[in-house]
C-alpha atoms as a PDB file:
ATOM      1  CA  UNK A   1     105.339 -54.154  98.471  1.00  0.00           C
ATOM      2  CA  UNK A   2     108.776 -54.488  96.302  1.00  0.00           C
ATOM      3  CA  UNK A   3     111.530 -52.266  97.424  1.00  0.00           C
ATOM      4  CA  UNK A   4     113.393 -53.315  94.704  1.00  0.00           C
ATOM      5  CA  UNK A   5     113.288 -52.134  90.787  1.00  0.00           C
ATOM      6  CA  UNK A   6     110.733 -53.395  89.395  1.00  0.00           C
ATOM      7  CA  UNK A   7     111.021 -56.182  86.482  1.00  0.00           C
ATOM      8  CA  UNK A   8     108.967 -58.038  84.255  1.00  0.00           C
ATOM      9  CA  UNK A   9     110.503 -61.185  82.282  1.00  0.00           C
ATOM     10  CA  UNK A  10     108.587 -63.069  79.598  1.00  0.00           C
ATOM     11  CA  UNK A  11     109.530 -66.995  78.930  1.00  0.00           C
ATOM     12  CA  UNK A  12     108.621 -67.570  74.846  1.00  0.00           C
ATOM     13  CA  UNK A  13     108.941 -70.488  72.798  1.00  0.00           C
ATOM     14  CA  UNK A  14     110.113 -69.002  69.141  1.00  0.00           C
ATOM     15  CA  UNK A  15     110.788 -65.566  67.842  1.00  0.00           C
ATOM     16  CA  UNK A  16     107.424 -64.275  67.103  1.00  0.00           C
ATOM     17  CA  UNK A  17     105.385 -65.505  70.060  1.00  0.00           C
ATOM     18  CA  UNK A  18     106.935 -62.541  71.683  1.00  0.00           C
ATOM     19  CA  UNK A  19     104.863 -60.528  69.374  1.00  0.00           C
ATOM     20  CA  UNK A  20     101.404 -62.296  69.366  1.00  0.00           C
ATOM     21  CA  UNK A  21     101.430 -62.773  73.143  1.00  0.00           C
ATOM     22  CA  UNK A  22     101.446 -59.750  75.439  1.00  0.00           C
ATOM     23  CA  UNK A  23     103.464 -57.538  73.528  1.00  0.00           C
ATOM     24  CA  UNK A  24     101.016 -54.632  73.753  1.00  0.00           C
ATOM     25  CA  UNK A  25     101.571 -55.391  77.887  1.00  0.00           C
ATOM     26  CA  UNK A  26     105.112 -55.386  78.071  1.00  0.00           C
ATOM     27  CA  UNK A  27     105.719 -52.344  75.952  1.00  0.00           C
ATOM     28  CA  UNK A  28     102.968 -50.647  78.549  1.00  0.00           C
ATOM     29  CA  UNK A  29     105.583 -51.914  81.071  1.00  0.00           C
ATOM     30  CA  UNK A  30     108.384 -50.567  78.842  1.00  0.00           C
ATOM     31  CA  UNK A  31     106.864 -46.830  78.777  1.00  0.00           C
ATOM     32  CA  UNK A  32     106.169 -46.666  82.687  1.00  0.00           C
ATOM     33  CA  UNK A  33     110.350 -47.334  82.915  1.00  0.00           C
ATOM     34  CA  UNK A  34     109.755 -50.752  84.212  1.00  0.00           C
ATOM     35  CA  UNK A  35     112.671 -53.223  83.153  1.00  0.00           C
ATOM     36  CA  UNK A  36     111.667 -55.722  80.504  1.00  0.00           C
ATOM     37  CA  UNK A  37     113.033 -59.098  79.669  1.00  0.00           C
ATOM     38  CA  UNK A  38     112.425 -61.466  77.103  1.00  0.00           C
ATOM     39  CA  UNK A  39     113.667 -65.206  77.681  1.00  0.00           C
ATOM     40  CA  UNK A  40     113.221 -67.079  73.554  1.00  0.00           C
ATOM     41  CA  UNK A  41     113.912 -70.372  74.581  1.00  0.00           C
ATOM     42  CA  UNK A  42     114.619 -71.748  70.914  1.00  0.00           C
ATOM     43  CA  UNK A  43     115.678 -70.044  67.455  1.00  0.00           C
ATOM     44  CA  UNK A  44     112.701 -71.043  65.673  1.00  0.00           C
ATOM     45  CA  UNK A  45     114.540 -72.991  63.231  1.00  0.00           C
ATOM     46  CA  UNK A  46     111.541 -75.003  62.168  1.00  0.00           C
ATOM     47  CA  UNK A  47     109.453 -71.879  61.027  1.00  0.00           C
ATOM     48  CA  UNK A  48     108.471 -71.530  57.716  1.00  0.00           C
ATOM     49  CA  UNK A  49     108.773 -68.721  55.221  1.00  0.00           C
ATOM     50  CA  UNK A  50     104.762 -67.176  55.245  1.00  0.00           C
ATOM     51  CA  UNK A  51     105.383 -64.124  53.790  1.00  0.00           C
ATOM     52  CA  UNK A  52     105.816 -64.468  49.920  1.00  0.00           C
ATOM     53  CA  UNK A  53     107.607 -61.175  49.242  1.00  0.00           C
ATOM     54  CA  UNK A  54     110.598 -62.207  51.566  1.00  0.00           C
ATOM     55  CA  UNK A  55     110.513 -65.834  49.989  1.00  0.00           C
ATOM     56  CA  UNK A  56     113.827 -65.538  48.209  1.00  0.00           C
ATOM     57  CA  UNK A  57     116.863 -68.146  47.815  1.00  0.00           C
ATOM     58  CA  UNK A  58     119.056 -66.045  50.251  1.00  0.00           C
ATOM     59  CA  UNK A  59     116.789 -65.570  52.842  1.00  0.00           C
ATOM     60  CA  UNK A  60     115.994 -69.074  52.846  1.00  0.00           C
ATOM     61  CA  UNK A  61     119.690 -70.158  52.569  1.00  0.00           C
ATOM     62  CA  UNK A  62     120.083 -67.697  55.747  1.00  0.00           C
ATOM     63  CA  UNK A  63     116.610 -68.069  57.802  1.00  0.00           C
ATOM     64  CA  UNK A  64     118.024 -68.633  61.205  1.00  0.00           C
ATOM     65  CA  UNK A  65     120.173 -65.552  60.981  1.00  0.00           C
ATOM     66  CA  UNK A  66     116.925 -63.578  59.830  1.00  0.00           C
ATOM     67  CA  UNK A  67     114.736 -65.259  61.909  1.00  0.00           C
ATOM     68  CA  UNK A  68     117.075 -63.631  64.568  1.00  0.00           C
ATOM     69  CA  UNK A  69     117.551 -60.552  63.122  1.00  0.00           C
ATOM     70  CA  UNK A  70     113.355 -60.560  63.092  1.00  0.00           C
ATOM     71  CA  UNK A  71     113.749 -61.070  66.641  1.00  0.00           C
ATOM     72  CA  UNK A  72     115.757 -58.265  67.535  1.00  0.00           C
ATOM     73  CA  UNK A  73     114.049 -56.085  65.671  1.00  0.00           C
ATOM     74  CA  UNK A  74     110.707 -56.897  67.484  1.00  0.00           C
ATOM     75  CA  UNK A  75     112.453 -56.827  71.210  1.00  0.00           C
ATOM     76  CA  UNK A  76     113.320 -53.254  69.563  1.00  0.00           C
ATOM     77  CA  UNK A  77     110.007 -52.314  68.772  1.00  0.00           C
ATOM     78  CA  UNK A  78     108.368 -53.460  71.786  1.00  0.00           C
ATOM     79  CA  UNK A  79     110.661 -52.129  74.255  1.00  0.00           C
ATOM     80  CA  UNK A  80     112.259 -55.214  75.959  1.00  0.00           C
ATOM     81  CA  UNK A  81     115.482 -53.857  77.620  1.00  0.00           C
ATOM     82  CA  UNK A  82     117.343 -57.343  77.500  1.00  0.00           C
ATOM     83  CA  UNK A  83     116.784 -60.481  75.564  1.00  0.00           C
ATOM     84  CA  UNK A  84     118.006 -63.922  76.690  1.00  0.00           C
ATOM     85  CA  UNK A  85     117.766 -66.861  74.611  1.00  0.00           C
ATOM     86  CA  UNK A  86     117.921 -69.700  76.374  1.00  0.00           C
ATOM     87  CA  UNK A  87     119.477 -71.865  73.578  1.00  0.00           C
ATOM     88  CA  UNK A  88     117.916 -74.928  72.245  1.00  0.00           C
ATOM     89  CA  UNK A  89     116.439 -75.714  68.800  1.00  0.00           C
ATOM     90  CA  UNK A  90     113.091 -75.420  67.227  1.00  0.00           C
ATOM     91  CA  UNK A  91     111.391 -79.204  67.904  1.00  0.00           C
ATOM     92  CA  UNK A  92     108.989 -78.515  65.076  1.00  0.00           C
ATOM     93  CA  UNK A  93     105.661 -78.979  65.379  1.00  0.00           C
ATOM     94  CA  UNK A  94     104.314 -82.267  67.068  1.00  0.00           C
ATOM     95  CA  UNK A  95     104.322 -85.577  64.805  1.00  0.00           C
ATOM     96  CA  UNK A  96     107.041 -84.439  62.485  1.00  0.00           C
ATOM     97  CA  UNK A  97     110.221 -85.755  61.541  1.00  0.00           C
ATOM     98  CA  UNK A  98     111.878 -82.657  63.078  1.00  0.00           C
ATOM     99  CA  UNK A  99     110.664 -83.472  66.774  1.00  0.00           C
ATOM    100  CA  UNK A 100     113.952 -86.427  66.754  1.00  0.00           C
ATOM    101  CA  UNK A 101     116.583 -84.027  66.704  1.00  0.00           C
ATOM    102  CA  UNK A 102     118.417 -84.750  70.169  1.00  0.00           C
ATOM    103  CA  UNK A 103     119.221 -81.129  70.433  1.00  0.00           C
ATOM    104  CA  UNK A 104     115.550 -79.834  70.509  1.00  0.00           C
ATOM    105  CA  UNK A 105     113.987 -77.700  73.113  1.00  0.00           C
ATOM    106  CA  UNK A 106     111.041 -80.365  73.610  1.00  0.00           C
ATOM    107  CA  UNK A 107     113.907 -82.859  73.906  1.00  0.00           C
ATOM    108  CA  UNK A 108     115.555 -81.184  76.940  1.00  0.00           C
ATOM    109  CA  UNK A 109     115.950 -82.672  80.348  1.00  0.00           C
ATOM    110  CA  UNK A 110     113.829 -80.775  82.479  1.00  0.00           C
ATOM    111  CA  UNK A 111     116.389 -80.062  85.209  1.00  0.00           C
ATOM    112  CA  UNK A 112     118.727 -79.397  82.289  1.00  0.00           C
ATOM    113  CA  UNK A 113     116.284 -76.360  81.137  1.00  0.00           C
ATOM    114  CA  UNK A 114     114.665 -75.408  83.976  1.00  0.00           C
ATOM    115  CA  UNK A 115     118.467 -74.890  85.660  1.00  0.00           C
ATOM    116  CA  UNK A 116     119.225 -72.649  82.414  1.00  0.00           C
ATOM    117  CA  UNK A 117     116.004 -70.557  83.408  1.00  0.00           C
ATOM    118  CA  UNK A 118     116.623 -70.253  86.962  1.00  0.00           C
ATOM    119  CA  UNK A 119     119.999 -68.620  86.125  1.00  0.00           C
ATOM    120  CA  UNK A 120     118.401 -65.994  83.842  1.00  0.00           C
ATOM    121  CA  UNK A 121     115.803 -65.151  86.915  1.00  0.00           C
ATOM    122  CA  UNK A 122     118.218 -64.953  89.379  1.00  0.00           C
ATOM    123  CA  UNK A 123     120.203 -62.904  87.199  1.00  0.00           C
ATOM    124  CA  UNK A 124     117.450 -60.426  86.047  1.00  0.00           C
ATOM    125  CA  UNK A 125     115.674 -60.426  89.749  1.00  0.00           C
ATOM    126  CA  UNK A 126     112.102 -60.170  88.026  1.00  0.00           C
ATOM    127  CA  UNK A 127     109.073 -59.666  90.721  1.00  0.00           C
ATOM    128  CA  UNK A 128     106.526 -61.015  87.718  1.00  0.00           C
ATOM    129  CA  UNK A 129     107.249 -64.031  85.217  1.00  0.00           C
ATOM    130  CA  UNK A 130     104.938 -64.608  82.361  1.00  0.00           C
ATOM    131  CA  UNK A 131     104.797 -67.611  80.874  1.00  0.00           C
ATOM    132  CA  UNK A 132     102.321 -70.183  78.977  1.00  0.00           C
ATOM    133  CA  UNK A 133      99.110 -72.373  80.375  1.00  0.00           C
ATOM    134  CA  UNK A 134      99.280 -76.105  80.071  1.00  0.00           C
ATOM    135  CA  UNK A 135      97.647 -76.402  76.662  1.00  0.00           C
ATOM    136  CA  UNK A 136      97.955 -79.551  75.314  1.00  0.00           C
ATOM    137  CA  UNK A 137      94.805 -79.764  73.398  1.00  0.00           C
ATOM    138  CA  UNK A 138      93.891 -76.569  71.271  1.00  0.00           C
ATOM    139  CA  UNK A 139      97.738 -75.791  70.461  1.00  0.00           C
ATOM    140  CA  UNK A 140     100.191 -78.807  71.511  1.00  0.00           C
ATOM    141  CA  UNK A 141     103.180 -77.262  70.395  1.00  0.00           C
ATOM    142  CA  UNK A 142     106.227 -79.172  71.975  1.00  0.00           C
ATOM    143  CA  UNK A 143     108.296 -76.153  72.854  1.00  0.00           C
ATOM    144  CA  UNK A 144     104.840 -74.736  74.037  1.00  0.00           C
ATOM    145  CA  UNK A 145     104.267 -77.411  76.173  1.00  0.00           C
ATOM    146  CA  UNK A 146     107.994 -77.401  77.505  1.00  0.00           C
ATOM    147  CA  UNK A 147     107.609 -73.676  78.420  1.00  0.00           C
ATOM    148  CA  UNK A 148     105.025 -74.228  80.692  1.00  0.00           C
ATOM    149  CA  UNK A 149     106.928 -77.497  81.610  1.00  0.00           C
ATOM    150  CA  UNK A 150     110.151 -75.431  82.950  1.00  0.00           C
ATOM    151  CA  UNK A 151     108.645 -72.019  84.337  1.00  0.00           C
ATOM    152  CA  UNK A 152     107.045 -73.228  87.342  1.00  0.00           C
ATOM    153  CA  UNK A 153     109.327 -75.591  88.720  1.00  0.00           C
ATOM    154  CA  UNK A 154     112.118 -72.383  87.827  1.00  0.00           C
ATOM    155  CA  UNK A 155     109.053 -70.109  89.790  1.00  0.00           C
ATOM    156  CA  UNK A 156     109.805 -72.254  92.800  1.00  0.00           C
ATOM    157  CA  UNK A 157     113.385 -73.122  92.682  1.00  0.00           C
ATOM    158  CA  UNK A 158     114.736 -69.537  91.673  1.00  0.00           C
ATOM    159  CA  UNK A 159     114.311 -68.578  95.530  1.00  0.00           C
ATOM    160  CA  UNK A 160     115.741 -72.066  96.670  1.00  0.00           C
ATOM    161  CA  UNK A 161     119.054 -71.897  97.712  1.00  0.00           C
ATOM    162  CA  UNK A 162     119.541 -75.540  97.475  1.00  0.00           C
ATOM    163  CA  UNK A 163     118.281 -75.723  94.097  1.00  0.00           C
ATOM    164  CA  UNK A 164     121.419 -75.121  91.394  1.00  0.00           C
ATOM    165  CA  UNK A 165     123.451 -73.591  94.142  1.00  0.00           C
ATOM    166  CA  UNK A 166     126.023 -72.910  90.935  1.00  0.00           C
ATOM    167  CA  UNK A 167     123.462 -70.570  89.115  1.00  0.00           C
ATOM    168  CA  UNK A 168     123.404 -67.547  90.805  1.00  0.00           C
ATOM    169  CA  UNK A 169     122.234 -66.164  93.892  1.00  0.00           C
ATOM    170  CA  UNK A 170     118.572 -67.004  94.762  1.00  0.00           C
ATOM    171  CA  UNK A 171     115.914 -64.589  93.713  1.00  0.00           C
ATOM    172  CA  UNK A 172     112.334 -65.499  94.206  1.00  0.00           C
ATOM    173  CA  UNK A 173     109.760 -63.836  91.798  1.00  0.00           C
ATOM    174  CA  UNK A 174     106.340 -62.788  93.401  1.00  0.00           C
ATOM    175  CA  UNK A 175     103.834 -63.425  90.817  1.00  0.00           C
ATOM    176  CA  UNK A 176     103.384 -65.940  87.843  1.00  0.00           C
ATOM    177  CA  UNK A 177     100.902 -65.199  85.248  1.00  0.00           C
ATOM    178  CA  UNK A 178      99.859 -67.146  81.826  1.00  0.00           C
ATOM    179  CA  UNK A 179      99.024 -65.107  78.815  1.00  0.00           C
ATOM    180  CA  UNK A 180      96.265 -66.040  76.799  1.00  0.00           C
ATOM    181  CA  UNK A 181      93.218 -65.228  74.452  1.00  0.00           C
ATOM    182  CA  UNK A 182      89.726 -65.321  75.654  1.00  0.00           C
ATOM    183  CA  UNK A 183      86.811 -66.411  74.228  1.00  0.00           C
ATOM    184  CA  UNK A 184      85.653 -62.964  74.535  1.00  0.00           C
ATOM    185  CA  UNK A 185      88.922 -61.783  72.673  1.00  0.00           C
ATOM    186  CA  UNK A 186      88.499 -64.364  70.337  1.00  0.00           C
ATOM    187  CA  UNK A 187      84.821 -63.312  69.424  1.00  0.00           C
ATOM    188  CA  UNK A 188      84.876 -60.052  69.421  1.00  0.00           C
ATOM    189  CA  UNK A 189      87.804 -60.066  66.500  1.00  0.00           C
ATOM    190  CA  UNK A 190      86.107 -62.502  64.448  1.00  0.00           C
ATOM    191  CA  UNK A 191      82.711 -60.125  64.889  1.00  0.00           C
ATOM    192  CA  UNK A 192      84.382 -57.018  63.547  1.00  0.00           C
ATOM    193  CA  UNK A 193      86.295 -58.852  60.606  1.00  0.00           C
ATOM    194  CA  UNK A 194      82.932 -60.037  59.159  1.00  0.00           C
ATOM    195  CA  UNK A 195      81.372 -56.684  60.393  1.00  0.00           C
ATOM    196  CA  UNK A 196      83.672 -55.296  57.843  1.00  0.00           C
ATOM    197  CA  UNK A 197      82.833 -57.907  54.737  1.00  0.00           C
ATOM    198  CA  UNK A 198      86.418 -59.472  55.753  1.00  0.00           C
ATOM    199  CA  UNK A 199      86.908 -63.249  56.143  1.00  0.00           C
ATOM    200  CA  UNK A 200      87.976 -63.862  59.550  1.00  0.00           C
ATOM    201  CA  UNK A 201      91.425 -65.810  60.180  1.00  0.00           C
ATOM    202  CA  UNK A 202      89.075 -67.087  63.265  1.00  0.00           C
ATOM    203  CA  UNK A 203      86.938 -69.212  61.360  1.00  0.00           C
ATOM    204  CA  UNK A 204      89.379 -71.681  61.656  1.00  0.00           C
ATOM    205  CA  UNK A 205      89.761 -72.031  65.229  1.00  0.00           C
ATOM    206  CA  UNK A 206      86.239 -72.148  65.434  1.00  0.00           C
ATOM    207  CA  UNK A 207      86.306 -74.962  62.764  1.00  0.00           C
ATOM    208  CA  UNK A 208      89.415 -76.800  65.202  1.00  0.00           C
ATOM    209  CA  UNK A 209      86.405 -76.885  68.354  1.00  0.00           C
ATOM    210  CA  UNK A 210      87.903 -73.559  69.817  1.00  0.00           C
ATOM    211  CA  UNK A 211      84.206 -72.351  70.586  1.00  0.00           C
ATOM    212  CA  UNK A 212      83.512 -76.058  72.083  1.00  0.00           C
ATOM    213  CA  UNK A 213      86.145 -75.300  75.337  1.00  0.00           C
ATOM    214  CA  UNK A 214      86.428 -71.696  75.492  1.00  0.00           C
ATOM    215  CA  UNK A 215      82.872 -70.199  76.770  1.00  0.00           C
ATOM    216  CA  UNK A 216      82.003 -67.360  79.256  1.00  0.00           C
ATOM    217  CA  UNK A 217      82.696 -69.880  82.246  1.00  0.00           C
ATOM    218  CA  UNK A 218      86.244 -70.868  81.178  1.00  0.00           C
ATOM    219  CA  UNK A 219      87.061 -67.097  80.888  1.00  0.00           C
ATOM    220  CA  UNK A 220      86.733 -66.680  84.378  1.00  0.00           C
ATOM    221  CA  UNK A 221      89.537 -68.041  84.998  1.00  0.00           C
ATOM    222  CA  UNK A 222      91.351 -64.682  83.113  1.00  0.00           C
ATOM    223  CA  UNK A 223      92.152 -62.799  86.744  1.00  0.00           C
ATOM    224  CA  UNK A 224      94.104 -60.137  84.763  1.00  0.00           C
ATOM    225  CA  UNK A 225      93.081 -57.507  82.076  1.00  0.00           C
ATOM    226  CA  UNK A 226      95.615 -54.722  80.921  1.00  0.00           C
ATOM    227  CA  UNK A 227      94.353 -51.589  79.006  1.00  0.00           C
ATOM    228  CA  UNK A 228      96.868 -51.370  75.783  1.00  0.00           C
ATOM    229  CA  UNK A 229      94.982 -49.297  73.509  1.00  0.00           C
ATOM    230  CA  UNK A 230      97.877 -46.544  73.709  1.00  0.00           C
ATOM    231  CA  UNK A 231     100.404 -49.394  72.989  1.00  0.00           C
ATOM    232  CA  UNK A 232      98.555 -51.260  69.628  1.00  0.00           C
ATOM    233  CA  UNK A 233     101.030 -49.697  67.247  1.00  0.00           C
ATOM    234  CA  UNK A 234     103.525 -51.348  68.847  1.00  0.00           C
ATOM    235  CA  UNK A 235     102.176 -54.467  69.047  1.00  0.00           C
ATOM    236  CA  UNK A 236     101.461 -54.542  65.538  1.00  0.00           C
ATOM    237  CA  UNK A 237     105.248 -52.989  64.685  1.00  0.00           C
ATOM    238  CA  UNK A 238     106.611 -56.232  66.916  1.00  0.00           C
ATOM    239  CA  UNK A 239     104.256 -58.639  64.440  1.00  0.00           C
ATOM    240  CA  UNK A 240     105.239 -56.693  61.279  1.00  0.00           C
ATOM    241  CA  UNK A 241     109.101 -57.025  62.375  1.00  0.00           C
ATOM    242  CA  UNK A 242     109.039 -60.551  61.894  1.00  0.00           C
ATOM    243  CA  UNK A 243     108.767 -60.416  58.057  1.00  0.00           C
ATOM    244  CA  UNK A 244     109.481 -64.202  57.685  1.00  0.00           C
ATOM    245  CA  UNK A 245     106.528 -64.992  59.696  1.00  0.00           C
ATOM    246  CA  UNK A 246     103.923 -62.407  59.133  1.00  0.00           C
ATOM    247  CA  UNK A 247     102.995 -61.259  55.888  1.00  0.00           C
ATOM    248  CA  UNK A 248     101.769 -57.372  55.753  1.00  0.00           C
ATOM    249  CA  UNK A 249      99.161 -57.908  53.353  1.00  0.00           C
ATOM    250  CA  UNK A 250      97.754 -61.304  54.872  1.00  0.00           C
ATOM    251  CA  UNK A 251      94.250 -61.006  56.453  1.00  0.00           C
ATOM    252  CA  UNK A 252      95.419 -60.901  60.317  1.00  0.00           C
ATOM    253  CA  UNK A 253      96.881 -57.659  59.509  1.00  0.00           C
ATOM    254  CA  UNK A 254      93.954 -56.294  58.137  1.00  0.00           C
ATOM    255  CA  UNK A 255      91.798 -55.048  61.430  1.00  0.00           C
ATOM    256  CA  UNK A 256      93.058 -51.619  62.010  1.00  0.00           C
ATOM    257  CA  UNK A 257      94.376 -51.086  65.206  1.00  0.00           C
ATOM    258  CA  UNK A 258      91.132 -48.589  65.741  1.00  0.00           C
ATOM    259  CA  UNK A 259      89.096 -50.935  65.567  1.00  0.00           C
ATOM    260  CA  UNK A 260      90.225 -53.333  67.965  1.00  0.00           C
ATOM    261  CA  UNK A 261      91.144 -50.203  70.031  1.00  0.00           C
ATOM    262  CA  UNK A 262      87.044 -50.202  70.198  1.00  0.00           C
ATOM    263  CA  UNK A 263      86.355 -54.026  70.266  1.00  0.00           C
ATOM    264  CA  UNK A 264      88.927 -55.240  72.730  1.00  0.00           C
ATOM    265  CA  UNK A 265      91.508 -53.374  74.013  1.00  0.00           C
ATOM    266  CA  UNK A 266      92.840 -55.403  76.626  1.00  0.00           C
ATOM    267  CA  UNK A 267      95.522 -58.055  76.746  1.00  0.00           C
ATOM    268  CA  UNK A 268      94.418 -60.974  79.233  1.00  0.00           C
ATOM    269  CA  UNK A 269      96.508 -63.060  81.662  1.00  0.00           C
ATOM    270  CA  UNK A 270      95.740 -65.782  84.558  1.00  0.00           C
ATOM    271  CA  UNK A 271      97.724 -65.285  87.636  1.00  0.00           C
ATOM    272  CA  UNK A 272      98.625 -68.953  88.560  1.00  0.00           C
ATOM    273  CA  UNK A 273     101.041 -68.368  91.700  1.00  0.00           C
ATOM    274  CA  UNK A 274     101.186 -65.229  93.581  1.00  0.00           C
ATOM    275  CA  UNK A 275     103.432 -64.519  96.434  1.00  0.00           C
ATOM    276  CA  UNK A 276     101.553 -61.349  97.569  1.00  0.00           C
ATOM    277  CA  UNK A 277      98.102 -60.554  98.662  1.00  0.00           C
ATOM    278  CA  UNK A 278      95.870 -59.989  95.603  1.00  0.00           C
ATOM    279  CA  UNK A 279      91.767 -59.316  95.380  1.00  0.00           C
ATOM    280  CA  UNK A 280      91.698 -62.236  92.923  1.00  0.00           C
ATOM    281  CA  UNK A 281      90.855 -64.875  94.953  1.00  0.00           C
ATOM    282  CA  UNK A 282      87.751 -63.083  96.214  1.00  0.00           C
ATOM    283  CA  UNK A 283      86.652 -62.489  92.580  1.00  0.00           C
ATOM    284  CA  UNK A 284      88.299 -58.949  91.972  1.00  0.00           C
ATOM    285  CA  UNK A 285      90.152 -58.562  88.406  1.00  0.00           C
ATOM    286  CA  UNK A 286      93.338 -56.710  88.542  1.00  0.00           C
ATOM    287  CA  UNK A 287      94.303 -54.499  85.601  1.00  0.00           C
ATOM    288  CA  UNK A 288      97.831 -54.421  86.328  1.00  0.00           C
ATOM    289  CA  UNK A 289     100.318 -57.541  86.655  1.00  0.00           C
ATOM    290  CA  UNK A 290     102.607 -55.288  89.372  1.00  0.00           C
ATOM    291  CA  UNK A 291      99.011 -54.928  91.603  1.00  0.00           C
ATOM    292  CA  UNK A 292     100.352 -55.807  94.633  1.00  0.00           C
ATOM    293  CA  UNK A 293     103.919 -55.289  94.217  1.00  0.00           C
ATOM    294  CA  UNK A 294     104.162 -51.008  93.393  1.00  0.00           C
ATOM    295  CA  UNK A 295     105.525 -49.019  96.437  1.00  0.00           C
ATOM    296  CA  UNK A 296     102.958 -46.302  97.442  1.00  0.00           C
ATOM    297  CA  UNK A 297     103.059 -42.861  95.363  1.00  0.00           C
ATOM    298  CA  UNK A 298     104.395 -40.325  98.193  1.00  0.00           C
ATOM    299  CA  UNK A 299     101.204 -38.118  99.737  1.00  0.00           C
ATOM    300  CA  UNK A 300      99.028 -41.955  99.171  1.00  0.00           C
ATOM    301  CA  UNK A 301      97.592 -43.210 102.283  1.00  0.00           C
END
């Protein structure tokens, strides 16, 4: 059990990733009084404008500042207590000209980027760190790959006094999670769109082979399902805060929260590292990222 104030730290690649991956879980943590910290590794400079209503010359001329403001608005909607920008440039999609920028996140030396993340971990002292799995096949964005590649060594180095001694006092997080989408979730939402007579945005996922690589057997890797049914409105507000990236009239936003609440009210995670005892090794499924870390309530046995 942790005697320190509970804290969760999420590592994301770009502005808007914090809204589409685990936002309901963070909103739930924040509502419980758990300090929630966001690390955003890039400024999203390569993001295009996907909402025609805000595609104006003024927005295009100031897109970097606009996206940063959108990020702050999303952070407020979710309930993050702190935002740390890791300071790198968006690397762009794989095999594009943007990959060549020397100050891209993907081009940063692993040790340098890891130390930047270690510095934040030591300053914020989270028990739980959330990051990305090593997905180089279905969504091989260079920045998402790099998030994974620095998160594991940062988790291990943060508590080691011999690593990066000038980057703060050592602090060892207890649990490391990967955020992700189960095949069960994708199918449930896909079917819900079709049941309403709507075109499903997930059809493109299946066309790209999602169903070939994700099924009931691969879903077994998910160890943790957090009920976010009471926080779906926070997740939606965070997505809509990214006005350049999310069209409020687009099909991604056409599935009402009440339908999502009925068909799949969870966010799922993979427990990748744990320094505390959990039942996951025995096949148990968690419903709390802080399982094994919360101090017992007075009166508990």
